[in-house]
Protein backbone atom coordinates (compact mmCIF):
# COMPACT_ATOMS: atom_id res chain seq x y z
CA UNK A 1 0.00 0.00 0.00
CA UNK A 2 1.28 3.45 -0.92
CA UNK A 3 0.84 6.23 1.61
CA UNK A 4 0.39 9.92 0.88
CA UNK A 5 -0.33 12.79 3.19
CA UNK A 6 -0.48 16.41 4.14
CA UNK A 7 1.72 17.92 6.84
CA UNK A 8 0.70 21.11 8.60
CA UNK A 9 -1.38 22.86 11.22
CA UNK A 10 -4.27 23.36 11.33
CA UNK A 11 -5.70 20.80 8.93
CA UNK A 12 -9.36 20.84 9.98
CA UNK A 13 -10.24 22.88 6.87
CA UNK A 14 -8.52 20.48 4.44
CA UNK A 15 -10.74 18.31 2.24
CA UNK A 16 -7.78 16.38 0.79
CA UNK A 17 -7.96 13.32 3.04
CA UNK A 18 -11.58 12.49 2.22
CA UNK A 19 -11.20 13.43 -1.45
CA UNK A 20 -8.12 11.31 -2.12
CA UNK A 21 -9.17 8.28 -0.05
CA UNK A 22 -12.50 8.20 -1.92
CA UNK A 23 -10.69 8.64 -5.25
CA UNK A 24 -8.23 5.82 -4.46
CA UNK A 25 -11.07 3.48 -3.51
CA UNK A 26 -13.15 4.32 -6.60
CA UNK A 27 -10.17 3.82 -8.93
CA UNK A 28 -9.01 0.60 -7.27
CA UNK A 29 -5.71 2.14 -6.19
CA UNK A 30 -4.04 0.53 -3.17
CA UNK A 31 -3.17 3.75 -1.35
CA UNK A 32 -4.05 5.78 1.71
CA UNK A 33 -4.00 9.55 2.33
CA UNK A 34 -3.28 10.70 5.89
CA UNK A 35 -3.28 14.11 7.58
CA UNK A 36 -0.26 14.73 9.82
CA UNK A 37 -1.26 17.65 12.03
CA UNK A 38 1.87 19.03 13.69
PDB file of N, CA and C in Angstrom:
ATOM      1  N   UNK A   1       0.840  -1.173   0.000  1.00  0.00           N
ATOM      2  CA  UNK A   1       0.000   0.000   0.000  1.00  0.00           C
ATOM      3  C   UNK A   1       0.889   1.240   0.000  1.00  0.00           C
ATOM      4  N   UNK A   2       0.603   2.161  -0.897  1.00  0.00           N
ATOM      5  CA  UNK A   2       1.281   3.454  -0.918  1.00  0.00           C
ATOM      6  C   UNK A   2       0.603   4.378   0.077  1.00  0.00           C
ATOM      7  N   UNK A   3       1.390   5.273   0.656  1.00  0.00           N
ATOM      8  CA  UNK A   3       0.842   6.232   1.614  1.00  0.00           C
ATOM      9  C   UNK A   3       1.206   7.638   1.171  1.00  0.00           C
ATOM     10  N   UNK A   4       0.223   8.518   1.224  1.00  0.00           N
ATOM     11  CA  UNK A   4       0.391   9.921   0.882  1.00  0.00           C
ATOM     12  C   UNK A   4      -0.173  10.740   2.024  1.00  0.00           C
ATOM     13  N   UNK A   5       0.208  12.006   2.098  1.00  0.00           N
ATOM     14  CA  UNK A   5      -0.326  12.794   3.190  1.00  0.00           C
ATOM     15  C   UNK A   5      -0.044  14.272   3.072  1.00  0.00           C
ATOM     16  N   UNK A   6      -0.614  14.970   4.033  1.00  0.00           N
ATOM     17  CA  UNK A   6      -0.476  16.414   4.142  1.00  0.00           C
ATOM     18  C   UNK A   6       0.069  16.711   5.528  1.00  0.00           C
ATOM     19  N   UNK A   7       1.116  17.531   5.576  1.00  0.00           N
ATOM     20  CA  UNK A   7       1.720  17.916   6.844  1.00  0.00           C
ATOM     21  C   UNK A   7       1.422  19.387   7.081  1.00  0.00           C
ATOM     22  N   UNK A   8       0.945  19.718   8.276  1.00  0.00           N
ATOM     23  CA  UNK A   8       0.696  21.112   8.600  1.00  0.00           C
ATOM     24  C   UNK A   8      -0.155  21.276   9.840  1.00  0.00           C
ATOM     25  N   UNK A   9      -0.502  22.543  10.103  1.00  0.00           N
ATOM     26  CA  UNK A   9      -1.383  22.861  11.220  1.00  0.00           C
ATOM     27  C   UNK A   9      -2.004  24.219  10.949  1.00  0.00           C
ATOM     28  N   UNK A  10      -3.251  24.369  11.081  1.00  0.00           N
ATOM     29  CA  UNK A  10      -4.274  23.357  11.329  1.00  0.00           C
ATOM     30  C   UNK A  10      -4.692  22.685  10.031  1.00  0.00           C
ATOM     31  N   UNK A  11      -5.266  21.525  10.120  1.00  0.00           N
ATOM     32  CA  UNK A  11      -5.702  20.797   8.930  1.00  0.00           C
ATOM     33  C   UNK A  11      -7.206  20.530   8.925  1.00  0.00           C
ATOM     34  N   UNK A  12      -7.921  21.070   9.897  1.00  0.00           N
ATOM     35  CA  UNK A  12      -9.359  20.841   9.977  1.00  0.00           C
ATOM     36  C   UNK A  12     -10.115  21.330   8.755  1.00  0.00           C
ATOM     37  N   UNK A  13      -9.583  22.314   8.046  1.00  0.00           N
ATOM     38  CA  UNK A  13     -10.239  22.875   6.865  1.00  0.00           C
ATOM     39  C   UNK A  13      -9.941  22.088   5.584  1.00  0.00           C
ATOM     40  N   UNK A  14      -8.963  21.193   5.636  1.00  0.00           N
ATOM     41  CA  UNK A  14      -8.523  20.475   4.437  1.00  0.00           C
ATOM     42  C   UNK A  14      -9.507  19.372   4.041  1.00  0.00           C
ATOM     43  N   UNK A  15      -9.861  19.359   2.768  1.00  0.00           N
ATOM     44  CA  UNK A  15     -10.744  18.310   2.239  1.00  0.00           C
ATOM     45  C   UNK A  15      -9.951  17.196   1.565  1.00  0.00           C
ATOM     46  N   UNK A  16      -8.634  17.309   1.538  1.00  0.00           N
ATOM     47  CA  UNK A  16      -7.783  16.383   0.787  1.00  0.00           C
ATOM     48  C   UNK A  16      -7.918  14.938   1.228  1.00  0.00           C
ATOM     49  N   UNK A  17      -7.926  14.693   2.536  1.00  0.00           N
ATOM     50  CA  UNK A  17      -7.961  13.318   3.038  1.00  0.00           C
ATOM     51  C   UNK A  17      -9.186  12.582   2.521  1.00  0.00           C
ATOM     52  N   UNK A  18     -10.355  13.146   2.686  1.00  0.00           N
ATOM     53  CA  UNK A  18     -11.581  12.493   2.221  1.00  0.00           C
ATOM     54  C   UNK A  18     -11.602  12.370   0.703  1.00  0.00           C
ATOM     55  N   UNK A  19     -11.189  13.425   0.011  1.00  0.00           N
ATOM     56  CA  UNK A  19     -11.199  13.430  -1.448  1.00  0.00           C
ATOM     57  C   UNK A  19     -10.309  12.318  -2.007  1.00  0.00           C
ATOM     58  N   UNK A  20      -9.060  12.273  -1.557  1.00  0.00           N
ATOM     59  CA  UNK A  20      -8.119  11.309  -2.120  1.00  0.00           C
ATOM     60  C   UNK A  20      -8.429   9.881  -1.711  1.00  0.00           C
ATOM     61  N   UNK A  21      -8.825   9.649  -0.459  1.00  0.00           N
ATOM     62  CA  UNK A  21      -9.166   8.284  -0.053  1.00  0.00           C
ATOM     63  C   UNK A  21     -10.366   7.765  -0.841  1.00  0.00           C
ATOM     64  N   UNK A  22     -11.353   8.616  -1.100  1.00  0.00           N
ATOM     65  CA  UNK A  22     -12.499   8.201  -1.921  1.00  0.00           C
ATOM     66  C   UNK A  22     -12.059   7.935  -3.356  1.00  0.00           C
ATOM     67  N   UNK A  23     -11.200   8.798  -3.884  1.00  0.00           N
ATOM     68  CA  UNK A  23     -10.689   8.635  -5.252  1.00  0.00           C
ATOM     69  C   UNK A  23      -9.888   7.336  -5.384  1.00  0.00           C
ATOM     70  N   UNK A  24      -9.009   7.061  -4.433  1.00  0.00           N
ATOM     71  CA  UNK A  24      -8.226   5.823  -4.459  1.00  0.00           C
ATOM     72  C   UNK A  24      -9.148   4.606  -4.466  1.00  0.00           C
ATOM     73  N   UNK A  25     -10.155   4.618  -3.603  1.00  0.00           N
ATOM     74  CA  UNK A  25     -11.073   3.484  -3.514  1.00  0.00           C
ATOM     75  C   UNK A  25     -11.855   3.305  -4.814  1.00  0.00           C
ATOM     76  N   UNK A  26     -12.364   4.395  -5.367  1.00  0.00           N
ATOM     77  CA  UNK A  26     -13.154   4.319  -6.605  1.00  0.00           C
ATOM     78  C   UNK A  26     -12.333   3.845  -7.796  1.00  0.00           C
ATOM     79  N   UNK A  27     -11.050   4.182  -7.808  1.00  0.00           N
ATOM     80  CA  UNK A  27     -10.175   3.822  -8.927  1.00  0.00           C
ATOM     81  C   UNK A  27      -9.454   2.494  -8.704  1.00  0.00           C
ATOM     82  N   UNK A  28      -9.670   1.871  -7.562  1.00  0.00           N
ATOM     83  CA  UNK A  28      -9.014   0.600  -7.270  1.00  0.00           C
ATOM     84  C   UNK A  28      -7.526   0.737  -7.001  1.00  0.00           C
ATOM     85  N   UNK A  29      -7.125   1.876  -6.475  1.00  0.00           N
ATOM     86  CA  UNK A  29      -5.715   2.139  -6.185  1.00  0.00           C
ATOM     87  C   UNK A  29      -5.435   1.766  -4.731  1.00  0.00           C
ATOM     88  N   UNK A  30      -4.401   0.971  -4.517  1.00  0.00           N
ATOM     89  CA  UNK A  30      -4.036   0.529  -3.174  1.00  0.00           C
ATOM     90  C   UNK A  30      -3.190   1.615  -2.512  1.00  0.00           C
ATOM     91  N   UNK A  31      -3.867   2.626  -1.965  1.00  0.00           N
ATOM     92  CA  UNK A  31      -3.171   3.752  -1.354  1.00  0.00           C
ATOM     93  C   UNK A  31      -4.032   4.348  -0.255  1.00  0.00           C
ATOM     94  N   UNK A  32      -3.373   5.124   0.603  1.00  0.00           N
ATOM     95  CA  UNK A  32      -4.050   5.782   1.711  1.00  0.00           C
ATOM     96  C   UNK A  32      -3.499   7.196   1.838  1.00  0.00           C
ATOM     97  N   UNK A  33      -4.383   8.155   2.118  1.00  0.00           N
ATOM     98  CA  UNK A  33      -3.998   9.552   2.330  1.00  0.00           C
ATOM     99  C   UNK A  33      -4.233   9.892   3.791  1.00  0.00           C
ATOM    100  N   UNK A  34      -3.229  10.444   4.448  1.00  0.00           N
ATOM    101  CA  UNK A  34      -3.275  10.698   5.886  1.00  0.00           C
ATOM    102  C   UNK A  34      -2.933  12.163   6.156  1.00  0.00           C
ATOM    103  N   UNK A  35      -3.640  12.777   7.116  1.00  0.00           N
ATOM    104  CA  UNK A  35      -3.279  14.114   7.582  1.00  0.00           C
ATOM    105  C   UNK A  35      -2.346  13.986   8.776  1.00  0.00           C
ATOM    106  N   UNK A  36      -1.221  14.693   8.720  1.00  0.00           N
ATOM    107  CA  UNK A  36      -0.264  14.735   9.822  1.00  0.00           C
ATOM    108  C   UNK A  36      -0.298  16.146  10.400  1.00  0.00           C
ATOM    109  N   UNK A  37      -1.107  16.331  11.431  1.00  0.00           N
ATOM    110  CA  UNK A  37      -1.263  17.652  12.025  1.00  0.00           C
ATOM    111  C   UNK A  37      -0.174  17.862  13.071  1.00  0.00           C
ATOM    112  N   UNK A  38       0.772  18.764  12.752  1.00  0.00           N
ATOM    113  CA  UNK A  38       1.873  19.031  13.690  1.00  0.00           C
ATOM    114  C   UNK A  38       1.982  20.518  13.951  1.00  0.00           C
TER     115      UNK A  38
END
